[in-house]
Protein backbone atom coordinates (compact mmCIF):
# COMPACT_ATOMS: atom_id res chain seq x y z
CA UNK A 1 67.67 41.58 -22.02
CA UNK A 2 69.35 44.09 -24.28
CA UNK A 3 68.97 47.52 -22.67
CA UNK A 4 69.07 49.33 -26.05
CA UNK A 5 66.33 47.09 -27.41
CA UNK A 6 64.02 47.80 -24.46
CA UNK A 7 64.57 51.57 -24.81
CA UNK A 8 63.84 51.37 -28.53
CA UNK A 9 60.70 49.32 -27.86
CA UNK A 10 59.54 51.84 -25.26
CA UNK A 11 60.15 54.81 -27.56
CA UNK A 12 58.35 53.13 -30.45
CA UNK A 13 55.43 52.31 -28.18
CA UNK A 14 55.38 55.89 -26.87
CA UNK A 15 55.46 57.39 -30.36
CA UNK A 16 52.67 55.08 -31.54
CA UNK A 17 50.35 56.08 -28.68
CA UNK A 18 47.39 58.04 -30.09
CA UNK A 19 46.85 61.58 -28.84
CA UNK A 20 44.01 61.93 -26.34
CA UNK A 21 40.89 63.77 -27.47
CA UNK A 22 40.60 67.35 -26.27
CA UNK A 23 37.78 67.95 -23.82
CA UNK A 24 36.48 71.19 -25.31
CA UNK A 25 34.15 71.85 -22.40
CA UNK A 26 36.96 71.62 -19.85
CA UNK A 27 39.21 73.67 -22.13
CA UNK A 28 36.58 76.45 -22.13
CA UNK A 29 36.42 76.32 -18.31
CA UNK A 30 40.21 76.67 -18.16
CA UNK A 31 40.07 79.62 -20.57
CA UNK A 32 37.34 81.39 -18.57
CA UNK A 33 39.13 80.74 -15.28
CA UNK A 34 42.38 82.10 -16.74
CA UNK A 35 40.65 85.26 -18.01
CA UNK A 36 39.09 85.80 -14.57
CA UNK A 37 42.01 84.94 -12.29
CA UNK A 38 45.14 85.08 -14.47
CA UNK A 39 46.04 81.38 -14.02
CA UNK A 40 44.58 77.97 -14.70
CA UNK A 41 42.36 75.91 -12.42
CA UNK A 42 44.64 75.07 -9.43
CA UNK A 43 44.51 71.26 -9.74
CA UNK A 44 47.38 70.87 -7.26
CA UNK A 45 45.14 72.28 -4.51
CA UNK A 46 42.36 69.76 -5.21
CA UNK A 47 42.26 66.18 -3.93
CA UNK A 48 43.62 63.59 -6.36
CA UNK A 49 40.21 61.92 -6.40
CA UNK A 50 38.54 64.96 -8.07
CA UNK A 51 37.75 64.17 -11.69
CA UNK A 52 37.57 66.55 -14.62
CA UNK A 53 33.84 65.80 -14.80
CA UNK A 54 33.40 66.92 -11.17
CA UNK A 55 35.25 70.17 -11.91
CA UNK A 56 33.00 70.78 -14.91
CA UNK A 57 29.90 70.14 -12.77
CA UNK A 58 31.14 72.57 -10.12
CA UNK A 59 31.59 75.35 -12.67
CA UNK A 60 28.48 74.62 -14.72
CA UNK A 61 26.13 72.47 -12.60
CA UNK A 62 23.17 72.84 -14.98
CA UNK A 63 24.85 72.13 -18.29
CA UNK A 64 22.26 71.59 -20.98
CA UNK A 65 24.56 70.76 -23.90
CA UNK A 66 27.82 68.89 -23.64
CA UNK A 67 30.54 70.17 -25.94
CA UNK A 68 32.50 66.89 -25.86
CA UNK A 69 33.16 65.51 -29.31
């Protein structure tokens, strides 16, 4: 296999990958946490199995309206 061809294929695939949607609710949690503590939510201190949804539920357990678009 031509090494240059595989790199070009990878880069084209990478560039054609659509951007993920922004989770506005989680973004707001990050903003509030930063304003309160001066840094973002410390994900490196959480287990890998913790999902973004679980973090949102921990901060706002009784969410009435989801801001996800």
